[in-house]
Amino acid sequence: MPRLVGTIENGAGAFVQLRDQDGDFVGEVRADNDGNFAFYAIPGHWTVICLTPNRRRERVIDLGSDDIDIRLPA
């Protein structure tokens, strides 16, 4: 199963949600002190939502059979 990993600039402790192509909630993790997070997901069309106290960031991802690494700016 491929991994969807990422880093959020200034995102220490951010909540990171994974939603499917219909916008339904699939899971949530908390970013580590460096803003890193990881999900294991089946290939498909996903939305990653990062929630920090002052900002909400979203990124649409098409996940294939290989791992993907994303960066979300501050």
Protein backbone atom coordinates (compact mmCIF):
# COMPACT_ATOMS: atom_id res chain seq x y z
CA MET A 1 0.00 0.00 0.00
CA PRO A 2 1.51 3.36 -0.99
CA ARG A 3 2.32 6.02 1.57
CA LEU A 4 1.24 9.62 1.31
CA VAL A 5 3.80 11.60 3.31
CA GLY A 6 4.32 15.29 3.61
CA THR A 7 5.76 18.25 5.41
CA ILE A 8 3.91 21.40 6.44
CA GLU A 9 6.08 24.50 6.80
CA ASN A 10 5.48 25.92 10.30
CA GLY A 11 3.08 23.01 10.84
CA ALA A 12 4.31 21.46 14.09
CA GLY A 13 1.36 19.73 15.76
CA ALA A 14 -1.06 20.49 12.91
CA PHE A 15 -4.03 18.21 12.39
CA VAL A 16 -3.94 16.62 8.94
CA GLN A 17 -7.09 15.09 7.45
CA LEU A 18 -7.44 12.74 4.52
CA ARG A 19 -10.67 12.91 2.51
CA ASP A 20 -11.79 10.78 -0.42
CA GLN A 21 -12.90 12.02 -3.83
CA ASP A 22 -16.41 12.67 -2.48
CA GLY A 23 -15.05 14.79 0.37
CA ASP A 24 -15.82 12.15 3.00
CA PHE A 25 -13.52 12.00 6.03
CA VAL A 26 -11.20 8.97 5.94
CA GLY A 27 -8.63 9.67 8.65
CA GLU A 28 -6.66 12.19 10.64
CA VAL A 29 -3.14 12.33 12.03
CA ARG A 30 -1.16 14.93 13.90
CA ALA A 31 2.02 16.34 12.36
CA ASP A 32 5.20 15.88 14.38
CA ASN A 33 7.37 18.72 15.72
CA ASP A 34 8.90 19.19 12.27
CA GLY A 35 5.53 19.31 10.49
CA ASN A 36 5.85 15.79 9.03
CA PHE A 37 2.89 13.44 8.59
CA ALA A 38 2.06 10.13 6.87
CA PHE A 39 -0.98 8.22 5.69
CA TYR A 40 -1.24 4.75 4.15
CA ALA A 41 -3.88 4.90 1.44
CA ILE A 42 -5.04 2.94 -1.55
CA PRO A 43 -4.41 4.49 -4.96
CA GLY A 44 -6.98 7.10 -5.86
CA HIS A 45 -7.98 10.75 -5.75
CA TRP A 46 -7.50 12.29 -2.29
CA THR A 47 -7.65 15.67 -0.58
CA VAL A 48 -5.20 16.45 2.22
CA ILE A 49 -6.38 19.16 4.62
CA CYS A 50 -3.93 20.67 7.10
CA LEU A 51 -5.34 22.59 10.04
CA THR A 52 -3.13 24.91 12.08
CA PRO A 53 -4.33 27.57 14.55
CA ASN A 54 -4.06 30.36 11.95
CA ARG A 55 -4.52 28.61 8.65
CA ARG A 56 -6.20 25.86 6.64
CA ARG A 57 -4.33 24.38 3.67
CA GLU A 58 -5.61 21.88 1.10
CA ARG A 59 -3.93 19.85 -1.59
CA VAL A 60 -5.59 17.47 -4.05
CA ILE A 61 -3.48 14.37 -4.72
CA ASP A 62 -3.72 11.58 -7.26
CA LEU A 63 -2.03 8.67 -5.52
CA GLY A 64 -0.77 5.82 -7.68
CA SER A 65 1.02 2.65 -6.65
CA ASP A 66 4.17 4.52 -5.53
CA ASP A 67 4.73 6.63 -2.42
CA ILE A 68 4.23 10.36 -2.80
CA ASP A 69 5.85 13.16 -0.81
CA ILE A 70 4.20 16.60 -0.71
CA ARG A 71 5.22 19.95 0.73
CA LEU A 72 2.73 22.52 1.96
CA PRO A 73 3.98 26.11 2.23
CA ALA A 74 3.65 28.31 5.28
